[in-house]
Amino acid sequence: MGGYFGVASKGDCSLDLFYGTDYHSHLGTYAGGLAVLKDGKFLRDIHGIANSPFRTEFERDILRMRGSNQGIGVISDTDPQPLLMGSKHGDYAIVTVGRVNNLKDIVNEAHSANVHFLEGNEGDRNPTEAIGYLIDTGKDLEDGIKIAQERVEASCSMLVMTKKGIYAARDKLGRTPIVLGKKEDAYAATFETGAFPNLDFEAERDLGPGEIVLITPEGVEQKQKPREAMQICSFLWVYYGYPSSDYEKINVEEVRNNCGRFLARRDREKGLQIDLIAGIPDSGTGHAIGYANEAKIDYGRPYVKYTPTWFRSFMPQDIDMKKLVAKMKLQPVKAKISGKRLLFCEDSIVRGVQLEDVIERLYNMGATEVHMRPACPPLIYGCKFINFSRSKSVLELASRNAIKALEGSEHPEIKTLEEYANPDSEKNGVMVDRIRSRLRLTTLEYQKLPDLVSAIGLPKEKLCTFCWDGCEGCVK
């Protein structure tokens, strides 16, 4: 994933840029970057943030950026950004968030036109640089941004900073957000609206799918109108988004509370006897609060997260490292565990690596029952539209791992996957029970997709639900 923040100000924008970008640190752990326009010149810094926080890495760099009146920043989980581009359209800086499935085709096209790329790791090309190539094929910068929006297969939202202002361009299907904000002397664009309040910005509106605007210290000028069709990622509300943020004017924490309420309503008739409702911290917390309030059962914290030094266990690809991080950053509270029947809400079960250790430790601490309620359906198809996770293969997903064991095939037919995705099918029940058994859970019940859609509050055709039901909505 990743996140961005851009600001154009009548005065110094550097601190707004610094803190606004930092408020996206939950979206990535690979690299952070800032670029500003100061005295008519572009300045840029990029640092790895895998082992130290964004603010620590950039607190010296921001000093030399003081006095700039516009800038863009990014937290990236895939490639170093921002990039400074020198082109026939003039110099500009660019950040992108998304996924370019046809990257190889774009790079080959560029090579045929005698355009070269900088080498990435193991020969990979930087997708943001490929977007820059597409922009440079346009008759002007605005035309080039439109070309890039059309050509990218999957998704791409971007901020492009020029000497006359910052272009904000949302993905053509709105899979990732861009929200505009303003205060007395500045205008901004952000992925997360949670970045606005403490910087005194008021959220103005969401850009629509495919919309392009030019942001200057004087205001926002629309350059391309939005499209009607939208496929915003549902998982933004389930997991990725910060609780204080809104997408399409729908708050993340409210949706998570709603998810918990729906889970509790489904459980109401089952006669479960539960002593304590809890969330797997932190992303399961909002779901668990909603469940506890609906079920009228005590909410508590059998685990607390130690955050000062441990990074996100969702991100490391190495399984041993994931297990170490998951173990070390969650501290058990034995008084809330021993002799208790516990029900946990979680945002999702992706691989299940973290949960295996968490659940084993609960039993070792004396829990008598452990029930799990993920806030979304089983992840079966694997995201192909944004960089949802850093899994190397869809087979790492807990659901697909179970399907492989049950079917004896790594790649079952599409119809077979559809059966497993159907919550009312026998195959789905067998798959869920296999996951339950592997994790040693007393019961495991996933969220129903109609309930998740209702929890968000947008029509299903405006949401991307591909990872759960294989449906690409009304747009191909």
Protein backbone atom coordinates (compact mmCIF):
# COMPACT_ATOMS: atom_id res chain seq x y z
CA MET A 1 0.00 0.00 0.00
CA GLY A 2 1.25 3.50 0.72
CA GLY A 3 0.01 7.01 1.37
CA TYR A 4 0.68 10.59 0.30
CA PHE A 5 0.27 14.16 1.41
CA GLY A 6 0.65 17.31 -0.66
CA VAL A 7 0.34 20.97 0.32
CA ALA A 8 0.52 24.36 -1.40
CA SER A 9 0.74 27.33 0.95
CA LYS A 10 1.09 31.10 0.83
CA GLY A 11 3.71 30.71 3.55
CA ASP A 12 6.13 28.01 4.65
CA CYS A 13 4.59 24.56 4.08
CA SER A 14 7.44 22.41 5.38
CA LEU A 15 6.02 21.48 8.80
CA ASP A 16 2.57 20.72 7.39
CA LEU A 17 4.26 18.48 4.82
CA PHE A 18 6.46 16.80 7.43
CA TYR A 19 3.68 15.98 9.88
CA GLY A 20 1.05 15.33 7.21
CA THR A 21 3.23 12.71 5.55
CA ASP A 22 4.16 11.19 8.91
CA TYR A 23 0.46 10.60 9.60
CA HIS A 24 0.58 7.99 6.81
CA SER A 25 3.27 5.85 8.44
CA HIS A 26 0.82 3.03 9.21
CA LEU A 27 0.48 2.43 5.44
CA GLY A 28 4.03 1.32 4.70
CA THR A 29 7.40 0.33 6.10
CA TYR A 30 9.71 0.38 3.08
CA ALA A 31 10.57 4.00 2.27
CA GLY A 32 9.48 7.55 2.93
CA GLY A 33 10.14 10.60 0.81
CA LEU A 34 9.63 14.35 0.63
CA ALA A 35 9.99 16.82 -2.23
CA VAL A 36 9.50 20.58 -2.06
CA LEU A 37 9.74 23.59 -4.33
CA LYS A 38 11.97 26.20 -2.71
CA ASP A 39 13.18 29.35 -4.42
CA GLY A 40 12.14 27.90 -7.77
CA LYS A 41 14.17 24.70 -7.28
CA PHE A 42 13.14 21.16 -6.40
CA LEU A 43 14.63 19.56 -3.27
CA ARG A 44 14.11 15.89 -2.45
CA ASP A 45 15.02 13.33 0.18
CA ILE A 46 14.24 9.61 0.41
CA HIS A 47 15.03 7.30 3.33
CA GLY A 48 14.33 3.70 4.25
CA ILE A 49 11.93 3.47 7.19
CA ALA A 50 12.04 -0.28 7.89
CA ASN A 51 14.09 0.14 11.04
CA SER A 52 13.31 3.67 12.21
CA PRO A 53 10.28 5.97 12.12
CA PHE A 54 9.66 8.51 9.38
CA ARG A 55 10.07 11.49 11.72
CA THR A 56 13.45 10.30 12.93
CA GLU A 57 14.75 9.87 9.39
CA PHE A 58 13.52 13.24 8.11
CA GLU A 59 13.86 15.61 11.06
CA ARG A 60 17.16 16.97 9.71
CA ASP A 61 16.08 17.05 6.07
CA ILE A 62 13.05 19.17 6.84
CA LEU A 63 15.30 21.92 8.17
CA ARG A 64 16.75 22.61 4.73
CA MET A 65 13.24 22.53 3.28
CA ARG A 66 12.06 25.39 5.50
CA GLY A 67 10.80 28.30 3.47
CA SER A 68 9.26 26.20 0.70
CA ASN A 69 5.67 26.96 -0.26
CA GLN A 70 4.65 23.66 -1.82
CA GLY A 71 5.61 20.04 -1.35
CA ILE A 72 4.58 16.40 -1.67
CA GLY A 73 5.40 13.47 0.59
CA VAL A 74 4.90 9.73 0.47
CA ILE A 75 5.08 6.61 2.60
CA SER A 76 5.77 3.76 0.19
CA ASP A 77 5.77 0.02 0.67
CA THR A 78 7.03 -0.79 -2.80
CA ASP A 79 9.51 1.69 -4.31
CA PRO A 80 11.62 4.77 -3.49
CA GLN A 81 9.68 8.02 -4.02
CA PRO A 82 9.20 10.90 -4.81
CA LEU A 83 10.96 10.93 -8.17
CA LEU A 84 12.24 14.11 -9.79
CA MET A 85 11.58 14.03 -13.51
CA GLY A 86 13.12 16.20 -16.21
CA SER A 87 10.96 16.06 -19.32
CA LYS A 88 9.69 17.96 -22.34
CA HIS A 89 6.90 19.17 -20.06
CA GLY A 90 9.44 20.71 -17.70
CA ASP A 91 10.68 19.50 -14.33
CA TYR A 92 8.27 17.93 -11.86
CA ALA A 93 8.17 15.68 -8.79
CA ILE A 94 5.82 12.70 -8.58
CA VAL A 95 4.49 10.25 -6.00
CA THR A 96 2.10 7.38 -6.72
CA VAL A 97 0.07 4.82 -4.79
CA GLY A 98 -1.35 1.74 -6.45
CA ARG A 99 -0.27 -1.22 -8.49
CA VAL A 100 0.81 -1.44 -12.14
CA ASN A 101 0.04 -4.91 -13.44
CA ASN A 102 1.20 -4.05 -16.96
CA LEU A 103 4.52 -2.59 -15.80
CA LYS A 104 6.56 -4.90 -18.02
CA ASP A 105 4.59 -3.86 -21.12
CA ILE A 106 5.06 -0.17 -20.32
CA VAL A 107 8.78 -0.64 -19.78
CA ASN A 108 9.14 -2.59 -23.05
CA GLU A 109 7.28 0.16 -24.88
CA ALA A 110 9.61 2.75 -23.41
CA HIS A 111 12.66 0.72 -24.42
CA SER A 112 11.32 0.54 -27.98
CA ALA A 113 11.14 4.34 -27.92
CA ASN A 114 14.80 4.49 -26.76
CA VAL A 115 13.84 5.52 -23.24
CA HIS A 116 15.90 4.01 -20.44
CA PHE A 117 15.02 3.30 -16.81
CA LEU A 118 17.11 3.20 -13.68
CA GLU A 119 17.70 -0.33 -12.40
CA GLY A 120 15.74 -1.47 -9.36
CA ASN A 121 16.39 -4.42 -7.14
CA GLU A 122 17.08 -7.58 -9.14
CA GLY A 123 16.25 -5.83 -12.38
CA ASP A 124 12.83 -4.55 -11.28
CA ARG A 125 11.71 -1.20 -12.61
CA ASN A 126 10.31 1.53 -10.42
CA PRO A 127 6.57 1.74 -11.23
CA THR A 128 6.51 5.45 -10.42
CA GLU A 129 9.17 6.00 -13.05
CA ALA A 130 7.02 4.07 -15.54
CA ILE A 131 4.11 6.39 -14.72
CA GLY A 132 6.47 9.29 -15.42
CA TYR A 133 7.22 7.82 -18.85
CA LEU A 134 3.50 7.61 -19.65
CA ILE A 135 3.01 11.23 -18.55
CA ASP A 136 5.82 12.30 -20.86
CA THR A 137 4.03 10.77 -23.85
CA GLY A 138 1.24 13.34 -23.58
CA LYS A 139 1.07 16.58 -25.55
CA ASP A 140 1.31 18.41 -22.21
CA LEU A 141 1.48 17.44 -18.55
CA GLU A 142 -2.27 17.31 -18.00
CA ASP A 143 -2.75 15.19 -21.11
CA GLY A 144 0.05 12.92 -19.91
CA ILE A 145 -1.60 12.38 -16.53
CA LYS A 146 -4.82 11.40 -18.30
CA ILE A 147 -2.88 8.96 -20.49
CA ALA A 148 -1.27 7.41 -17.40
CA GLN A 149 -4.66 7.01 -15.71
CA GLU A 150 -6.02 5.19 -18.74
CA ARG A 151 -3.02 3.00 -19.48
CA VAL A 152 -2.35 1.59 -16.02
CA GLU A 153 -3.91 -1.82 -15.46
CA ALA A 154 -4.89 -2.16 -11.77
CA SER A 155 -4.74 1.24 -10.08
CA CYS A 156 -2.76 4.45 -9.74
CA SER A 157 -3.48 7.64 -7.81
CA MET A 158 -0.81 10.33 -7.90
CA LEU A 159 0.42 13.75 -6.85
CA VAL A 160 2.52 15.60 -9.43
CA MET A 161 4.25 18.79 -8.26
CA THR A 162 5.19 21.40 -10.86
CA LYS A 163 6.37 24.98 -10.53
CA LYS A 164 2.81 26.22 -11.02
CA GLY A 165 1.13 23.89 -8.53
CA ILE A 166 0.38 20.31 -7.50
CA TYR A 167 -1.75 18.05 -9.67
CA ALA A 168 -3.79 15.52 -7.71
CA ALA A 169 -5.16 12.71 -9.88
CA ARG A 170 -7.24 9.86 -8.44
CA ASP A 171 -7.23 6.38 -9.92
CA LYS A 172 -9.75 6.02 -12.75
CA LEU A 173 -11.92 3.70 -10.66
CA GLY A 174 -11.19 5.39 -7.35
CA ARG A 175 -9.65 2.30 -5.80
CA THR A 176 -7.55 4.51 -3.52
CA PRO A 177 -8.65 7.88 -2.11
CA ILE A 178 -7.55 11.48 -2.48
CA VAL A 179 -9.22 14.01 -0.20
CA LEU A 180 -8.85 17.78 -0.49
CA GLY A 181 -8.51 20.06 2.52
CA LYS A 182 -7.98 23.73 3.21
CA LYS A 183 -7.14 26.26 5.88
CA GLU A 184 -6.69 30.00 5.86
CA ASP A 185 -3.43 30.11 3.91
CA ALA A 186 -3.06 26.66 2.33
CA TYR A 187 -4.68 23.82 0.39
CA ALA A 188 -3.78 20.15 0.72
CA ALA A 189 -4.44 16.68 -0.68
CA THR A 190 -4.20 13.55 1.43
CA PHE A 191 -4.81 9.81 1.46
CA GLU A 192 -5.79 9.86 5.14
CA THR A 193 -8.09 12.63 6.40
CA GLY A 194 -6.80 11.86 9.89
CA ALA A 195 -3.79 13.97 8.90
CA PHE A 196 -5.91 17.13 8.68
CA PRO A 197 -7.31 18.13 12.11
CA ASN A 198 -4.06 18.56 14.03
CA LEU A 199 -2.68 20.64 11.16
CA ASP A 200 -5.81 22.85 11.21
CA PHE A 201 -7.06 21.72 7.80
CA GLU A 202 -10.74 21.15 7.14
CA ALA A 203 -11.60 18.29 4.82
CA GLU A 204 -13.38 19.76 1.79
CA ARG A 205 -14.27 16.83 -0.46
CA ASP A 206 -13.11 13.56 -1.98
CA LEU A 207 -11.84 13.60 -5.53
CA GLY A 208 -14.03 11.40 -7.69
CA PRO A 209 -12.73 8.45 -9.72
CA GLY A 210 -10.43 9.70 -12.46
CA GLU A 211 -10.75 13.32 -11.35
CA ILE A 212 -7.76 15.65 -11.77
CA VAL A 213 -7.28 18.98 -10.00
CA LEU A 214 -4.50 21.56 -9.78
CA ILE A 215 -3.77 22.76 -6.24
CA THR A 216 -2.13 26.17 -5.70
CA PRO A 217 -1.87 28.45 -2.66
CA GLU A 218 -4.88 30.32 -4.04
CA GLY A 219 -7.21 27.36 -4.46
CA VAL A 220 -8.16 24.20 -6.35
CA GLU A 221 -8.94 24.12 -10.08
CA GLN A 222 -10.64 21.11 -11.64
CA LYS A 223 -8.84 19.80 -14.75
CA GLN A 224 -10.84 16.64 -15.38
CA LYS A 225 -14.31 15.78 -14.12
CA PRO A 226 -14.87 12.58 -12.14
CA ARG A 227 -16.38 9.42 -13.56
CA GLU A 228 -19.50 7.79 -12.22
CA ALA A 229 -18.19 4.23 -11.83
CA MET A 230 -16.20 3.57 -8.65
CA GLN A 231 -14.49 0.51 -7.16
CA ILE A 232 -12.97 1.78 -3.92
CA CYS A 233 -11.17 -0.88 -1.88
CA SER A 234 -13.41 -2.17 0.93
CA PHE A 235 -10.38 -3.27 2.91
CA LEU A 236 -9.53 0.38 3.60
CA TRP A 237 -12.32 0.40 6.17
CA VAL A 238 -11.70 -3.13 7.41
CA TYR A 239 -7.97 -2.84 8.04
CA TYR A 240 -5.75 -0.33 6.25
CA GLY A 241 -7.36 2.99 7.13
CA TYR A 242 -6.59 4.80 10.36
CA PRO A 243 -9.63 5.01 12.70
CA SER A 244 -9.80 8.81 12.51
CA SER A 245 -9.96 8.89 8.71
CA ASP A 246 -12.95 9.15 6.39
CA TYR A 247 -13.28 7.86 2.84
CA GLU A 248 -16.25 9.01 0.79
CA LYS A 249 -17.27 10.80 4.01
CA ILE A 250 -17.60 7.45 5.82
CA ASN A 251 -15.52 7.10 8.98
CA VAL A 252 -13.26 4.08 9.45
CA GLU A 253 -13.95 3.59 13.16
CA GLU A 254 -17.71 3.81 12.63
CA VAL A 255 -17.54 1.10 9.97
CA ARG A 256 -15.49 -1.14 12.25
CA ASN A 257 -18.00 -0.67 15.05
CA ASN A 258 -20.74 -1.56 12.57
CA CYS A 259 -18.85 -4.71 11.54
CA GLY A 260 -18.73 -5.83 15.16
CA ARG A 261 -22.44 -5.18 15.59
CA PHE A 262 -23.29 -7.36 12.60
CA LEU A 263 -21.08 -10.17 13.92
CA ALA A 264 -22.78 -9.98 17.31
CA ARG A 265 -26.25 -10.09 15.73
CA ARG A 266 -25.32 -13.24 13.82
CA ASP A 267 -24.13 -14.84 17.08
CA ARG A 268 -27.12 -13.80 19.18
CA GLU A 269 -29.18 -16.91 18.51
CA LYS A 270 -26.35 -19.40 19.06
CA GLY A 271 -26.40 -19.29 22.83
CA LEU A 272 -22.66 -18.76 23.23
CA GLN A 273 -21.52 -18.15 26.80
CA ILE A 274 -18.67 -15.62 26.64
CA ASP A 275 -16.85 -13.91 29.53
CA LEU A 276 -14.97 -11.23 27.61
CA ILE A 277 -14.94 -9.61 24.15
CA ALA A 278 -11.56 -8.47 22.86
CA GLY A 279 -9.89 -7.25 19.70
CA ILE A 280 -6.59 -8.38 18.29
CA PRO A 281 -4.83 -5.02 18.68
CA ASP A 282 -4.95 -2.59 17.12
CA SER A 283 -7.06 -3.08 13.99
CA GLY A 284 -9.45 -5.52 15.66
CA THR A 285 -10.25 -3.12 18.47
CA GLY A 286 -12.94 -1.10 16.71
CA HIS A 287 -14.70 -4.26 15.56
CA ALA A 288 -14.60 -5.70 19.09
CA ILE A 289 -16.05 -2.54 20.66
CA GLY A 290 -18.97 -2.73 18.26
CA TYR A 291 -19.49 -6.42 19.08
CA ALA A 292 -19.34 -5.85 22.86
CA ASN A 293 -21.76 -2.94 22.76
CA GLU A 294 -24.25 -4.91 20.67
CA ALA A 295 -23.91 -8.14 22.68
CA LYS A 296 -23.90 -6.36 26.08
CA ILE A 297 -20.80 -8.37 27.11
CA ASP A 298 -17.76 -6.87 28.83
CA TYR A 299 -14.99 -5.59 26.58
CA GLY A 300 -11.41 -6.09 27.78
CA ARG A 301 -7.77 -6.33 26.72
CA PRO A 302 -6.23 -9.78 27.21
CA TYR A 303 -3.38 -8.56 25.02
CA VAL A 304 -1.81 -5.11 24.94
CA LYS A 305 0.51 -3.99 22.17
CA TYR A 306 4.01 -2.78 22.90
CA THR A 307 4.55 -0.22 20.15
CA PRO A 308 7.66 1.87 21.01
CA THR A 309 10.10 -0.41 19.22
CA TRP A 310 8.25 -3.12 17.29
CA PHE A 311 7.13 -2.57 13.68
CA ARG A 312 4.08 -4.00 11.94
CA SER A 313 4.03 -7.79 11.79
CA PHE A 314 1.69 -7.62 8.77
CA MET A 315 4.59 -6.56 6.58
CA PRO A 316 7.65 -8.85 7.01
CA GLN A 317 7.74 -11.56 4.35
CA ASP A 318 10.00 -13.88 6.32
CA ILE A 319 7.78 -16.23 8.33
CA ASP A 320 10.19 -16.58 11.24
CA MET A 321 10.46 -12.80 11.53
CA LYS A 322 6.67 -12.45 11.39
CA LYS A 323 6.30 -14.91 14.26
CA LEU A 324 8.94 -13.12 16.30
CA VAL A 325 7.35 -9.70 15.81
CA ALA A 326 3.85 -11.04 16.51
CA LYS A 327 5.06 -12.61 19.74
CA MET A 328 7.24 -9.83 21.07
CA LYS A 329 4.95 -6.87 20.45
CA LEU A 330 1.82 -8.39 22.06
CA GLN A 331 2.03 -8.69 25.84
CA PRO A 332 -0.56 -10.97 27.49
CA VAL A 333 -2.57 -9.87 30.52
CA LYS A 334 -2.98 -13.13 32.45
CA ALA A 335 -5.67 -11.78 34.77
CA LYS A 336 -7.89 -11.22 31.72
CA ILE A 337 -7.12 -14.66 30.24
CA SER A 338 -6.92 -17.36 32.91
CA GLY A 339 -10.16 -19.31 33.29
CA LYS A 340 -11.95 -17.12 30.71
CA ARG A 341 -14.08 -17.88 27.68
CA LEU A 342 -12.78 -15.30 25.20
CA LEU A 343 -14.19 -14.05 21.92
CA PHE A 344 -11.82 -12.08 19.72
CA CYS A 345 -12.65 -9.82 16.80
CA GLU A 346 -9.98 -9.44 14.13
CA ASP A 347 -9.91 -7.36 10.95
CA SER A 348 -9.21 -10.47 8.87
CA ILE A 349 -7.28 -13.71 8.73
CA VAL A 350 -4.69 -13.27 6.00
CA ARG A 351 -2.06 -15.96 6.49
CA GLY A 352 -2.91 -16.88 10.07
CA VAL A 353 0.76 -16.86 11.08
CA GLN A 354 0.25 -14.32 13.86
CA LEU A 355 -2.91 -15.93 15.18
CA GLU A 356 -1.36 -19.36 15.62
CA ASP A 357 1.06 -18.04 18.20
CA VAL A 358 -1.46 -15.68 19.81
CA ILE A 359 -4.00 -18.45 20.33
CA GLU A 360 -1.45 -20.94 21.63
CA ARG A 361 -0.29 -18.42 24.21
CA LEU A 362 -3.88 -17.78 25.29
CA TYR A 363 -4.36 -21.46 26.06
CA ASN A 364 -1.00 -21.58 27.82
CA MET A 365 -2.19 -18.68 29.98
CA GLY A 366 -5.29 -20.64 31.02
CA ALA A 367 -8.01 -19.57 28.57
CA THR A 368 -10.75 -22.21 28.52
CA GLU A 369 -12.26 -21.22 25.14
CA VAL A 370 -11.08 -18.99 22.29
CA HIS A 371 -13.61 -17.89 19.67
CA MET A 372 -12.67 -15.80 16.61
CA ARG A 373 -14.81 -13.42 14.54
CA PRO A 374 -13.03 -11.85 11.53
CA ALA A 375 -14.70 -8.65 10.34
CA CYS A 376 -14.66 -9.70 6.68
CA PRO A 377 -15.26 -12.93 4.72
CA PRO A 378 -12.42 -15.39 3.98
CA LEU A 379 -9.75 -13.96 1.66
CA ILE A 380 -9.84 -16.38 -1.27
CA TYR A 381 -8.79 -14.63 -4.46
CA GLY A 382 -5.90 -12.39 -3.46
CA CYS A 383 -5.91 -8.71 -4.39
CA LYS A 384 -4.80 -7.81 -7.91
CA PHE A 385 -5.67 -4.11 -7.87
CA ILE A 386 -3.61 -2.54 -5.09
CA ASN A 387 -0.60 -3.76 -3.14
CA PHE A 388 -2.82 -5.30 -0.46
CA SER A 389 -0.03 -7.24 1.21
CA ARG A 390 3.48 -8.45 0.58
CA SER A 391 2.54 -12.10 0.24
CA LYS A 392 4.59 -13.73 -2.48
CA SER A 393 1.77 -16.03 -3.52
CA VAL A 394 -2.01 -16.28 -3.15
CA LEU A 395 -1.34 -19.75 -1.73
CA GLU A 396 -0.03 -18.10 1.45
CA LEU A 397 -3.57 -17.03 2.27
CA ALA A 398 -5.06 -19.19 5.02
CA SER A 399 -8.16 -19.90 2.93
CA ARG A 400 -6.23 -20.92 -0.17
CA ASN A 401 -3.92 -23.06 1.90
CA ALA A 402 -6.98 -24.89 3.24
CA ILE A 403 -8.48 -25.21 -0.25
CA LYS A 404 -5.24 -26.66 -1.58
CA ALA A 405 -5.27 -29.31 1.16
CA LEU A 406 -8.92 -30.14 0.53
CA GLU A 407 -8.76 -30.20 -3.28
CA GLY A 408 -5.22 -31.52 -3.70
CA SER A 409 -4.55 -28.74 -6.18
CA GLU A 410 -2.80 -25.39 -5.94
CA HIS A 411 -5.00 -23.90 -8.67
CA PRO A 412 -8.55 -25.27 -8.55
CA GLU A 413 -11.07 -24.26 -11.19
CA ILE A 414 -12.76 -20.88 -10.90
CA LYS A 415 -16.09 -22.59 -10.30
CA THR A 416 -14.57 -24.47 -7.39
CA LEU A 417 -13.28 -21.23 -5.86
CA GLU A 418 -16.76 -19.73 -6.28
CA GLU A 419 -18.17 -22.61 -4.24
CA TYR A 420 -15.67 -22.00 -1.45
CA ALA A 421 -16.49 -18.26 -1.51
CA ASN A 422 -20.21 -18.99 -1.07
CA PRO A 423 -20.84 -18.83 2.70
CA ASP A 424 -23.88 -21.11 2.36
CA SER A 425 -22.02 -23.91 0.58
CA GLU A 426 -20.77 -27.16 2.07
CA LYS A 427 -17.28 -26.48 0.72
CA ASN A 428 -17.14 -23.14 2.53
CA GLY A 429 -18.09 -24.80 5.79
CA VAL A 430 -15.40 -27.46 5.41
CA MET A 431 -12.78 -24.82 4.54
CA VAL A 432 -13.66 -22.65 7.54
CA ASP A 433 -13.58 -25.66 9.86
CA ARG A 434 -10.14 -26.62 8.57
CA ILE A 435 -8.86 -23.12 9.35
CA ARG A 436 -10.55 -23.29 12.77
CA SER A 437 -8.88 -26.61 13.53
CA ARG A 438 -5.46 -25.41 12.40
CA LEU A 439 -5.71 -22.37 14.68
CA ARG A 440 -7.16 -24.44 17.57
CA LEU A 441 -10.19 -22.17 17.87
CA THR A 442 -13.33 -23.18 19.73
CA THR A 443 -15.45 -21.57 17.02
CA LEU A 444 -14.68 -19.50 13.92
CA GLU A 445 -17.35 -17.46 12.14
CA TYR A 446 -16.51 -15.02 9.36
CA GLN A 447 -18.42 -11.86 8.50
CA LYS A 448 -21.03 -12.25 5.75
CA LEU A 449 -20.32 -10.07 2.72
CA PRO A 450 -23.78 -8.43 2.66
CA ASP A 451 -23.24 -7.43 6.29
CA LEU A 452 -19.83 -5.93 5.50
CA VAL A 453 -21.31 -3.95 2.61
CA SER A 454 -24.08 -2.70 4.91
CA ALA A 455 -21.49 -1.79 7.57
CA ILE A 456 -19.68 0.43 5.07
CA GLY A 457 -22.85 1.97 3.71
CA LEU A 458 -21.99 2.30 0.02
CA PRO A 459 -23.73 0.36 -2.76
CA LYS A 460 -21.87 -2.87 -3.50
CA GLU A 461 -21.26 -1.82 -7.11
CA LYS A 462 -19.13 1.07 -5.81
CA LEU A 463 -16.97 -1.23 -3.67
CA CYS A 464 -14.22 -3.61 -4.70
CA THR A 465 -14.92 -6.98 -3.06
CA PHE A 466 -12.75 -9.06 -5.37
CA CYS A 467 -10.58 -10.67 -2.69
CA TRP A 468 -13.68 -12.21 -1.07
CA ASP A 469 -16.03 -13.08 -3.92
CA GLY A 470 -13.92 -12.75 -7.09
CA CYS A 471 -16.31 -10.07 -8.34
CA GLU A 472 -14.91 -7.04 -10.12
CA GLY A 473 -18.17 -5.18 -9.76
CA CYS A 474 -19.93 -3.54 -12.67
CA VAL A 475 -16.66 -2.48 -14.30
CA LYS A 476 -14.22 -4.75 -16.07
